[in-house]
Amino acid sequence: MLIKLLKYEFKFTGRTLLPIYAALLALAVLLNLGDGLDFSYNNSGNWGDLFFTLLIFAYSCVISAVCIITVVLLVQRFYKNLLRDEGYLMHTLPVSPAQNIAAKLICAVSWSVISLFMAGFSAMLMNMSLEDWLEFFRGWGTFIHDLNVAFGIHWLLFALEALALALLLLSSNIVEVYLALAVGHMANSRKIACSVAAFIGLQVLTGLLGQLFGRMVVNWDWLISLLDEIFNGFMHQQIAGIHSLLLGSILFLLAYNAVMFVATSWLMKNKLNLE
């Protein structure tokens, strides 16, 4: 059932986001072609100046829209689909609250990553020529070779750990919003205001937990020793320290996300007030 929910979520949200991505890439290509043809603000006539300026303005508006609409749409999907009138229908389906939340969360994380990628890729597409792209890929090959020489297999492990950490950090921000909305909708009135207050409280809690975790990780010599034993003593102390920091952060965020997710699911199941 989760797969069906995900298909529905991606189909619904994709109808809004995919055309924006297409417009963003199209504008980036036009700006790149215009620059390659000396169709720039300094080298063309008045009409060319105006058109090029309008293209830059349109690109700025669309890239801003990608960021803003992604956030608004994904929060709105949770709010309207599960906490407003649509919630009466959604909560009658043979689906648990956890599955509903998981579908929204997976979709939100996926589109957030895609939006960030599209924004960065469009900026590169707008500014880089064919020669720049070739140099970029050649540079990546050299960069990876240097990493292999310096760190061996550890650079790949660092990359995977950093990717997992980034995804968990992104999902924690999203699930905090979900929990704040669920807490706010326990109230009989001023639900949005209560949700905002709950979100601020969660941010304070997150800051306190982050400080506590930072103090703990300084003294995690046991984790460094364990990693050193796993790699048969061939790991430098600095590399073990980086692994311990990344893995410790991943474990912390996994636990934090799990608590936020379970709390949201429990509130949706037992304390939800749709009126």
C-alpha atoms as a PDB file:
ATOM      1  CA  MET A   1       0.000   0.000   0.000  1.00  0.00           C
ATOM      2  CA  LEU A   2       2.923   2.325   0.666  1.00  0.00           C
ATOM      3  CA  ILE A   3       3.988   1.939  -2.977  1.00  0.00           C
ATOM      4  CA  LYS A   4       0.536   3.036  -4.149  1.00  0.00           C
ATOM      5  CA  LEU A   5       0.623   6.042  -1.836  1.00  0.00           C
ATOM      6  CA  LEU A   6       4.061   7.006  -3.167  1.00  0.00           C
ATOM      7  CA  LYS A   7       2.892   6.730  -6.779  1.00  0.00           C
ATOM      8  CA  TYR A   8      -0.048   9.004  -5.999  1.00  0.00           C
ATOM      9  CA  GLU A   9       2.132  11.523  -4.148  1.00  0.00           C
ATOM     10  CA  PHE A  10       4.777  11.723  -6.867  1.00  0.00           C
ATOM     11  CA  LYS A  11       2.133  11.975  -9.581  1.00  0.00           C
ATOM     12  CA  PHE A  12       0.265  14.770  -7.808  1.00  0.00           C
ATOM     13  CA  THR A  13       3.325  16.831  -6.862  1.00  0.00           C
ATOM     14  CA  GLY A  14       5.086  16.161 -10.169  1.00  0.00           C
ATOM     15  CA  ARG A  15       2.319  17.930 -12.064  1.00  0.00           C
ATOM     16  CA  THR A  16       3.407  21.150 -10.364  1.00  0.00           C
ATOM     17  CA  LEU A  17       7.168  20.710 -10.074  1.00  0.00           C
ATOM     18  CA  LEU A  18       8.136  19.090 -13.394  1.00  0.00           C
ATOM     19  CA  PRO A  19       6.936  22.022 -15.569  1.00  0.00           C
ATOM     20  CA  ILE A  20       8.910  24.402 -13.335  1.00  0.00           C
ATOM     21  CA  TYR A  21      12.043  22.288 -13.758  1.00  0.00           C
ATOM     22  CA  ALA A  22      11.509  22.277 -17.538  1.00  0.00           C
ATOM     23  CA  ALA A  23      11.152  26.078 -17.570  1.00  0.00           C
ATOM     24  CA  LEU A  24      14.290  26.446 -15.446  1.00  0.00           C
ATOM     25  CA  LEU A  25      16.388  24.303 -17.795  1.00  0.00           C
ATOM     26  CA  ALA A  26      14.967  26.015 -20.890  1.00  0.00           C
ATOM     27  CA  LEU A  27      15.874  29.462 -19.540  1.00  0.00           C
ATOM     28  CA  ALA A  28      19.358  28.247 -18.589  1.00  0.00           C
ATOM     29  CA  VAL A  29      19.922  26.953 -22.139  1.00  0.00           C
ATOM     30  CA  LEU A  30      18.673  30.218 -23.669  1.00  0.00           C
ATOM     31  CA  LEU A  31      20.982  32.263 -21.463  1.00  0.00           C
ATOM     32  CA  ASN A  32      23.903  30.000 -22.327  1.00  0.00           C
ATOM     33  CA  LEU A  33      23.206  30.251 -26.065  1.00  0.00           C
ATOM     34  CA  GLY A  34      22.751  33.995 -25.825  1.00  0.00           C
ATOM     35  CA  ASP A  35      26.111  34.364 -24.117  1.00  0.00           C
ATOM     36  CA  GLY A  36      27.778  32.125 -26.712  1.00  0.00           C
ATOM     37  CA  LEU A  37      26.389  34.288 -29.529  1.00  0.00           C
ATOM     38  CA  ASP A  38      27.611  37.489 -27.814  1.00  0.00           C
ATOM     39  CA  PHE A  39      23.956  38.150 -27.040  1.00  0.00           C
ATOM     40  CA  SER A  40      24.793  39.825 -23.780  1.00  0.00           C
ATOM     41  CA  TYR A  41      24.010  43.046 -22.025  1.00  0.00           C
ATOM     42  CA  ASN A  42      27.260  44.696 -23.082  1.00  0.00           C
ATOM     43  CA  ASN A  43      27.583  43.481 -26.686  1.00  0.00           C
ATOM     44  CA  SER A  44      24.141  43.813 -28.239  1.00  0.00           C
ATOM     45  CA  GLY A  45      21.683  46.518 -29.193  1.00  0.00           C
ATOM     46  CA  ASN A  46      18.884  47.966 -27.104  1.00  0.00           C
ATOM     47  CA  TRP A  47      16.381  45.231 -27.967  1.00  0.00           C
ATOM     48  CA  GLY A  48      18.989  42.592 -27.275  1.00  0.00           C
ATOM     49  CA  ASP A  49      19.814  44.236 -23.963  1.00  0.00           C
ATOM     50  CA  LEU A  50      16.167  44.257 -22.959  1.00  0.00           C
ATOM     51  CA  PHE A  51      15.528  40.646 -23.996  1.00  0.00           C
ATOM     52  CA  PHE A  52      18.643  39.364 -22.246  1.00  0.00           C
ATOM     53  CA  THR A  53      17.752  41.279 -19.086  1.00  0.00           C
ATOM     54  CA  LEU A  54      14.239  39.809 -19.177  1.00  0.00           C
ATOM     55  CA  LEU A  55      15.723  36.315 -19.533  1.00  0.00           C
ATOM     56  CA  ILE A  56      17.927  36.856 -16.483  1.00  0.00           C
ATOM     57  CA  PHE A  57      14.959  38.199 -14.518  1.00  0.00           C
ATOM     58  CA  ALA A  58      12.799  35.235 -15.585  1.00  0.00           C
ATOM     59  CA  TYR A  59      15.531  32.772 -14.607  1.00  0.00           C
ATOM     60  CA  SER A  60      15.897  34.423 -11.187  1.00  0.00           C
ATOM     61  CA  CYS A  61      12.126  34.234 -10.656  1.00  0.00           C
ATOM     62  CA  VAL A  62      11.918  30.584 -11.711  1.00  0.00           C
ATOM     63  CA  ILE A  63      14.866  29.426  -9.601  1.00  0.00           C
ATOM     64  CA  SER A  64      13.321  31.226  -6.618  1.00  0.00           C
ATOM     65  CA  ALA A  65      10.003  29.568  -7.427  1.00  0.00           C
ATOM     66  CA  VAL A  66      11.672  26.149  -7.457  1.00  0.00           C
ATOM     67  CA  CYS A  67      12.863  26.632  -3.870  1.00  0.00           C
ATOM     68  CA  ILE A  68       9.721  28.304  -2.527  1.00  0.00           C
ATOM     69  CA  ILE A  69       7.135  26.148  -4.293  1.00  0.00           C
ATOM     70  CA  THR A  70       8.936  22.931  -3.321  1.00  0.00           C
ATOM     71  CA  VAL A  71       8.769  23.839   0.365  1.00  0.00           C
ATOM     72  CA  VAL A  72       5.217  25.223   0.274  1.00  0.00           C
ATOM     73  CA  LEU A  73       3.829  22.385  -1.843  1.00  0.00           C
ATOM     74  CA  LEU A  74       5.288  19.594   0.270  1.00  0.00           C
ATOM     75  CA  VAL A  75       4.179  21.132   3.571  1.00  0.00           C
ATOM     76  CA  GLN A  76       0.774  21.887   2.074  1.00  0.00           C
ATOM     77  CA  ARG A  77       0.398  18.285   0.930  1.00  0.00           C
ATOM     78  CA  PHE A  78       0.754  17.028   4.489  1.00  0.00           C
ATOM     79  CA  TYR A  79      -1.433  19.776   5.915  1.00  0.00           C
ATOM     80  CA  LYS A  80      -4.322  19.609   3.455  1.00  0.00           C
ATOM     81  CA  ASN A  81      -4.227  15.894   2.715  1.00  0.00           C
ATOM     82  CA  LEU A  82      -4.032  14.621   6.294  1.00  0.00           C
ATOM     83  CA  LEU A  83      -5.091  17.460   8.610  1.00  0.00           C
ATOM     84  CA  ARG A  84      -7.857  19.255   6.727  1.00  0.00           C
ATOM     85  CA  ASP A  85     -11.045  18.098   5.006  1.00  0.00           C
ATOM     86  CA  GLU A  86      -9.205  15.586   2.810  1.00  0.00           C
ATOM     87  CA  GLY A  87      -8.090  13.902   6.012  1.00  0.00           C
ATOM     88  CA  TYR A  88     -11.578  12.487   6.553  1.00  0.00           C
ATOM     89  CA  LEU A  89     -11.119  10.431   3.391  1.00  0.00           C
ATOM     90  CA  MET A  90      -7.439   9.607   3.860  1.00  0.00           C
ATOM     91  CA  HIS A  91      -7.958   8.282   7.381  1.00  0.00           C
ATOM     92  CA  THR A  92     -10.742   5.964   6.243  1.00  0.00           C
ATOM     93  CA  LEU A  93      -8.417   4.179   3.791  1.00  0.00           C
ATOM     94  CA  PRO A  94      -6.910   0.825   4.871  1.00  0.00           C
ATOM     95  CA  VAL A  95      -3.618   2.582   5.522  1.00  0.00           C
ATOM     96  CA  SER A  96      -1.911   3.231   8.833  1.00  0.00           C
ATOM     97  CA  PRO A  97      -0.937   6.779   9.858  1.00  0.00           C
ATOM     98  CA  ALA A  98       2.691   5.678   9.690  1.00  0.00           C
ATOM     99  CA  GLN A  99       2.300   4.734   6.018  1.00  0.00           C
ATOM    100  CA  ASN A 100       0.637   8.051   5.216  1.00  0.00           C
ATOM    101  CA  ILE A 101       3.431   9.959   6.944  1.00  0.00           C
ATOM    102  CA  ALA A 102       6.150   7.803   5.356  1.00  0.00           C
ATOM    103  CA  ALA A 103       4.748   8.428   1.869  1.00  0.00           C
ATOM    104  CA  LYS A 104       4.675  12.184   2.448  1.00  0.00           C
ATOM    105  CA  LEU A 105       8.171  12.153   3.977  1.00  0.00           C
ATOM    106  CA  ILE A 106       9.807  10.083   1.228  1.00  0.00           C
ATOM    107  CA  CYS A 107       8.184  12.233  -1.432  1.00  0.00           C
ATOM    108  CA  ALA A 108       9.224  15.456   0.307  1.00  0.00           C
ATOM    109  CA  VAL A 109      12.859  14.368   0.728  1.00  0.00           C
ATOM    110  CA  SER A 110      13.031  13.164  -2.889  1.00  0.00           C
ATOM    111  CA  TRP A 111      11.633  16.366  -4.394  1.00  0.00           C
ATOM    112  CA  SER A 112      13.813  18.506  -2.125  1.00  0.00           C
ATOM    113  CA  VAL A 113      16.938  16.717  -3.355  1.00  0.00           C
ATOM    114  CA  ILE A 114      15.776  16.952  -6.978  1.00  0.00           C
ATOM    115  CA  SER A 115      15.040  20.677  -6.597  1.00  0.00           C
ATOM    116  CA  LEU A 116      18.494  21.361  -5.160  1.00  0.00           C
ATOM    117  CA  PHE A 117      20.091  19.347  -7.961  1.00  0.00           C
ATOM    118  CA  MET A 118      18.068  21.127 -10.649  1.00  0.00           C
ATOM    119  CA  ALA A 119      18.990  24.542  -9.249  1.00  0.00           C
ATOM    120  CA  GLY A 120      22.692  23.695  -9.238  1.00  0.00           C
ATOM    121  CA  PHE A 121      22.611  21.953 -12.628  1.00  0.00           C
ATOM    122  CA  SER A 122      20.763  24.851 -14.262  1.00  0.00           C
ATOM    123  CA  ALA A 123      23.371  27.311 -12.948  1.00  0.00           C
ATOM    124  CA  MET A 124      26.123  25.165 -14.447  1.00  0.00           C
ATOM    125  CA  LEU A 125      24.178  24.761 -17.690  1.00  0.00           C
ATOM    126  CA  MET A 126      23.783  28.518 -17.949  1.00  0.00           C
ATOM    127  CA  ASN A 127      27.459  29.352 -17.434  1.00  0.00           C
ATOM    128  CA  MET A 128      29.470  26.428 -18.858  1.00  0.00           C
ATOM    129  CA  SER A 129      30.481  25.847 -22.467  1.00  0.00           C
ATOM    130  CA  LEU A 130      31.213  22.444 -24.020  1.00  0.00           C
ATOM    131  CA  GLU A 131      34.904  22.894 -23.246  1.00  0.00           C
ATOM    132  CA  ASP A 132      34.042  23.724 -19.642  1.00  0.00           C
ATOM    133  CA  TRP A 133      32.008  20.503 -19.353  1.00  0.00           C
ATOM    134  CA  LEU A 134      34.869  18.430 -20.751  1.00  0.00           C
ATOM    135  CA  GLU A 135      37.294  20.072 -18.325  1.00  0.00           C
ATOM    136  CA  PHE A 136      34.821  19.489 -15.499  1.00  0.00           C
ATOM    137  CA  PHE A 137      34.669  15.741 -16.130  1.00  0.00           C
ATOM    138  CA  ARG A 138      38.443  15.515 -16.593  1.00  0.00           C
ATOM    139  CA  GLY A 139      38.842  17.379 -13.320  1.00  0.00           C
ATOM    140  CA  TRP A 140      36.560  14.895 -11.562  1.00  0.00           C
ATOM    141  CA  GLY A 141      38.728  12.020 -12.762  1.00  0.00           C
ATOM    142  CA  THR A 142      41.847  13.686 -11.368  1.00  0.00           C
ATOM    143  CA  PHE A 143      40.057  14.565  -8.140  1.00  0.00           C
ATOM    144  CA  ILE A 144      38.925  10.971  -7.561  1.00  0.00           C
ATOM    145  CA  HIS A 145      42.435   9.671  -8.328  1.00  0.00           C
ATOM    146  CA  ASP A 146      43.897  12.070  -5.741  1.00  0.00           C
ATOM    147  CA  LEU A 147      41.319  10.928  -3.188  1.00  0.00           C
ATOM    148  CA  ASN A 148      42.230   7.293  -3.817  1.00  0.00           C
ATOM    149  CA  VAL A 149      45.895   8.092  -3.278  1.00  0.00           C
ATOM    150  CA  ALA A 150      45.229  10.078  -0.099  1.00  0.00           C
ATOM    151  CA  PHE A 151      42.486   8.010   1.566  1.00  0.00           C
ATOM    152  CA  GLY A 152      42.050   4.745  -0.353  1.00  0.00           C
ATOM    153  CA  ILE A 153      38.575   3.255   0.092  1.00  0.00           C
ATOM    154  CA  HIS A 154      37.867   5.653   2.944  1.00  0.00           C
ATOM    155  CA  TRP A 155      36.981   8.575   0.655  1.00  0.00           C
ATOM    156  CA  LEU A 156      34.078   6.536  -0.764  1.00  0.00           C
ATOM    157  CA  LEU A 157      32.969   5.623   2.746  1.00  0.00           C
ATOM    158  CA  PHE A 158      33.197   9.304   3.718  1.00  0.00           C
ATOM    159  CA  ALA A 159      31.041  10.220   0.705  1.00  0.00           C
ATOM    160  CA  LEU A 160      28.384   7.605   1.511  1.00  0.00           C
ATOM    161  CA  GLU A 161      28.318   8.617   5.166  1.00  0.00           C
ATOM    162  CA  ALA A 162      28.055  12.310   4.259  1.00  0.00           C
ATOM    163  CA  LEU A 163      25.217  11.548   1.820  1.00  0.00           C
ATOM    164  CA  ALA A 164      23.331   9.546   4.459  1.00  0.00           C
ATOM    165  CA  LEU A 165      23.911  12.354   6.957  1.00  0.00           C
ATOM    166  CA  ALA A 166      22.596  15.000   4.538  1.00  0.00           C
ATOM    167  CA  LEU A 167      19.452  12.973   3.772  1.00  0.00           C
ATOM    168  CA  LEU A 168      18.799  12.348   7.453  1.00  0.00           C
ATOM    169  CA  LEU A 169      19.300  16.030   8.254  1.00  0.00           C
ATOM    170  CA  LEU A 170      16.861  16.983   5.492  1.00  0.00           C
ATOM    171  CA  SER A 171      14.294  14.425   6.636  1.00  0.00           C
ATOM    172  CA  SER A 172      14.627  15.589  10.257  1.00  0.00           C
ATOM    173  CA  ASN A 173      13.720  19.143   9.214  1.00  0.00           C
ATOM    174  CA  ILE A 174      10.676  17.871   7.338  1.00  0.00           C
ATOM    175  CA  VAL A 175       9.435  15.505  10.035  1.00  0.00           C
ATOM    176  CA  GLU A 176       9.789  18.319  12.593  1.00  0.00           C
ATOM    177  CA  VAL A 177       7.313  20.336  10.518  1.00  0.00           C
ATOM    178  CA  TYR A 178       4.967  17.325  10.372  1.00  0.00           C
ATOM    179  CA  LEU A 179       5.141  16.828  14.134  1.00  0.00           C
ATOM    180  CA  ALA A 180       4.568  20.529  14.785  1.00  0.00           C
ATOM    181  CA  LEU A 181       1.490  20.484  12.549  1.00  0.00           C
ATOM    182  CA  ALA A 182       0.183  17.355  14.277  1.00  0.00           C
ATOM    183  CA  VAL A 183       0.707  18.925  17.712  1.00  0.00           C
ATOM    184  CA  GLY A 184      -0.981  22.152  16.621  1.00  0.00           C
ATOM    185  CA  HIS A 185      -4.021  20.274  15.357  1.00  0.00           C
ATOM    186  CA  MET A 186      -4.678  18.828  18.785  1.00  0.00           C
ATOM    187  CA  ALA A 187      -5.975  22.273  19.717  1.00  0.00           C
ATOM    188  CA  ASN A 188      -9.614  23.240  19.300  1.00  0.00           C
ATOM    189  CA  SER A 189      -8.774  26.672  17.895  1.00  0.00           C
ATOM    190  CA  ARG A 190      -5.841  28.628  16.431  1.00  0.00           C
ATOM    191  CA  LYS A 191      -4.292  25.450  15.115  1.00  0.00           C
ATOM    192  CA  ILE A 192      -1.756  27.215  12.894  1.00  0.00           C
ATOM    193  CA  ALA A 193      -0.542  29.418  15.744  1.00  0.00           C
ATOM    194  CA  CYS A 194      -0.175  26.354  17.952  1.00  0.00           C
ATOM    195  CA  SER A 195       1.728  24.588  15.167  1.00  0.00           C
ATOM    196  CA  VAL A 196       4.132  27.518  14.846  1.00  0.00           C
ATOM    197  CA  ALA A 197       4.694  27.528  18.618  1.00  0.00           C
ATOM    198  CA  ALA A 198       5.287  23.762  18.545  1.00  0.00           C
ATOM    199  CA  PHE A 199       7.812  24.146  15.724  1.00  0.00           C
ATOM    200  CA  ILE A 200       9.727  26.823  17.639  1.00  0.00           C
ATOM    201  CA  GLY A 201       9.781  24.526  20.662  1.00  0.00           C
ATOM    202  CA  LEU A 202      11.132  21.680  18.543  1.00  0.00           C
ATOM    203  CA  GLN A 203      13.869  23.942  17.175  1.00  0.00           C
ATOM    204  CA  VAL A 204      14.924  24.839  20.722  1.00  0.00           C
ATOM    205  CA  LEU A 205      14.917  21.155  21.654  1.00  0.00           C
ATOM    206  CA  THR A 206      16.979  20.301  18.581  1.00  0.00           C
ATOM    207  CA  GLY A 207      19.547  22.954  19.477  1.00  0.00           C
ATOM    208  CA  LEU A 208      19.896  21.613  23.014  1.00  0.00           C
ATOM    209  CA  LEU A 209      20.225  18.030  21.813  1.00  0.00           C
ATOM    210  CA  GLY A 210      22.789  19.111  19.221  1.00  0.00           C
ATOM    211  CA  GLN A 211      24.927  20.747  21.905  1.00  0.00           C
ATOM    212  CA  LEU A 212      24.666  17.650  24.091  1.00  0.00           C
ATOM    213  CA  PHE A 213      25.646  15.431  21.172  1.00  0.00           C
ATOM    214  CA  GLY A 214      28.610  17.679  20.364  1.00  0.00           C
ATOM    215  CA  ARG A 215      29.945  17.271  23.894  1.00  0.00           C
ATOM    216  CA  MET A 216      29.442  13.518  23.806  1.00  0.00           C
ATOM    217  CA  VAL A 217      31.170  12.962  20.488  1.00  0.00           C
ATOM    218  CA  VAL A 218      34.387  14.583  21.756  1.00  0.00           C
ATOM    219  CA  ASN A 219      34.777  11.706  24.206  1.00  0.00           C
ATOM    220  CA  TRP A 220      33.890   8.866  21.827  1.00  0.00           C
ATOM    221  CA  ASP A 221      37.311   7.260  21.985  1.00  0.00           C
ATOM    222  CA  TRP A 222      35.607   3.857  22.186  1.00  0.00           C
ATOM    223  CA  LEU A 223      34.140   4.322  18.708  1.00  0.00           C
ATOM    224  CA  ILE A 224      37.508   5.321  17.272  1.00  0.00           C
ATOM    225  CA  SER A 225      39.091   2.230  18.867  1.00  0.00           C
ATOM    226  CA  LEU A 226      36.315   0.017  17.517  1.00  0.00           C
ATOM    227  CA  LEU A 227      36.751   1.350  13.988  1.00  0.00           C
ATOM    228  CA  ASP A 228      40.495   0.876  14.260  1.00  0.00           C
ATOM    229  CA  GLU A 229      39.951  -2.786  15.183  1.00  0.00           C
ATOM    230  CA  ILE A 230      37.449  -3.314  12.346  1.00  0.00           C
ATOM    231  CA  PHE A 231      40.018  -2.107   9.821  1.00  0.00           C
ATOM    232  CA  ASN A 232      42.745  -4.270  11.421  1.00  0.00           C
ATOM    233  CA  GLY A 233      44.834  -1.402  12.670  1.00  0.00           C
ATOM    234  CA  PHE A 234      45.427   0.139   9.239  1.00  0.00           C
ATOM    235  CA  MET A 235      43.327   3.222   9.898  1.00  0.00           C
ATOM    236  CA  HIS A 236      45.006   6.461  10.888  1.00  0.00           C
ATOM    237  CA  GLN A 237      43.691   8.153  14.016  1.00  0.00           C
ATOM    238  CA  GLN A 238      42.479  11.164  11.991  1.00  0.00           C
ATOM    239  CA  ILE A 239      40.523   8.971   9.563  1.00  0.00           C
ATOM    240  CA  ALA A 240      39.000   7.019  12.445  1.00  0.00           C
ATOM    241  CA  GLY A 241      37.996  10.336  14.010  1.00  0.00           C
ATOM    242  CA  ILE A 242      36.206  11.445  10.833  1.00  0.00           C
ATOM    243  CA  HIS A 243      34.366   8.125  10.596  1.00  0.00           C
ATOM    244  CA  SER A 244      33.373   8.312  14.253  1.00  0.00           C
ATOM    245  CA  LEU A 245      32.003  11.839  13.812  1.00  0.00           C
ATOM    246  CA  LEU A 246      30.004  10.949  10.689  1.00  0.00           C
ATOM    247  CA  LEU A 247      28.722   7.610  12.004  1.00  0.00           C
ATOM    248  CA  GLY A 248      27.888   9.105  15.388  1.00  0.00           C
ATOM    249  CA  SER A 249      25.953  11.902  13.699  1.00  0.00           C
ATOM    250  CA  ILE A 250      24.100   9.368  11.541  1.00  0.00           C
ATOM    251  CA  LEU A 251      23.108   7.321  14.604  1.00  0.00           C
ATOM    252  CA  PHE A 252      21.994  10.455  16.420  1.00  0.00           C
ATOM    253  CA  LEU A 253      19.838  11.630  13.493  1.00  0.00           C
ATOM    254  CA  LEU A 254      18.415   8.137  12.961  1.00  0.00           C
ATOM    255  CA  ALA A 255      17.269   8.065  16.584  1.00  0.00           C
ATOM    256  CA  TYR A 256      15.968  11.638  16.391  1.00  0.00           C
ATOM    257  CA  ASN A 257      14.054  10.975  13.173  1.00  0.00           C
ATOM    258  CA  ALA A 258      12.604   7.779  14.611  1.00  0.00           C
ATOM    259  CA  VAL A 259      11.339   9.584  17.715  1.00  0.00           C
ATOM    260  CA  MET A 260       9.819  12.426  15.656  1.00  0.00           C
ATOM    261  CA  PHE A 261       8.219   9.977  13.231  1.00  0.00           C
ATOM    262  CA  VAL A 262       6.747   7.732  15.939  1.00  0.00           C
ATOM    263  CA  ALA A 263       5.448  10.758  17.856  1.00  0.00           C
ATOM    264  CA  THR A 264       3.777  12.141  14.715  1.00  0.00           C
ATOM    265  CA  SER A 265       2.256   8.761  13.893  1.00  0.00           C
ATOM    266  CA  TRP A 266       0.937   8.341  17.445  1.00  0.00           C
ATOM    267  CA  LEU A 267      -0.643  11.792  17.458  1.00  0.00           C
ATOM    268  CA  MET A 268      -2.227  11.209  14.045  1.00  0.00           C
ATOM    269  CA  LYS A 269      -3.690   7.931  15.266  1.00  0.00           C
ATOM    270  CA  ASN A 270      -4.838   8.880  18.770  1.00  0.00           C
ATOM    271  CA  LYS A 271      -5.089  12.671  19.158  1.00  0.00           C
ATOM    272  CA  LEU A 272      -5.961  14.096  15.755  1.00  0.00           C
ATOM    273  CA  ASN A 273      -8.608  16.814  15.736  1.00  0.00           C
ATOM    274  CA  LEU A 274      -9.853  17.517  12.194  1.00  0.00           C
ATOM    275  CA  GLU A 275     -12.622  19.872  13.246  1.00  0.00           C
END
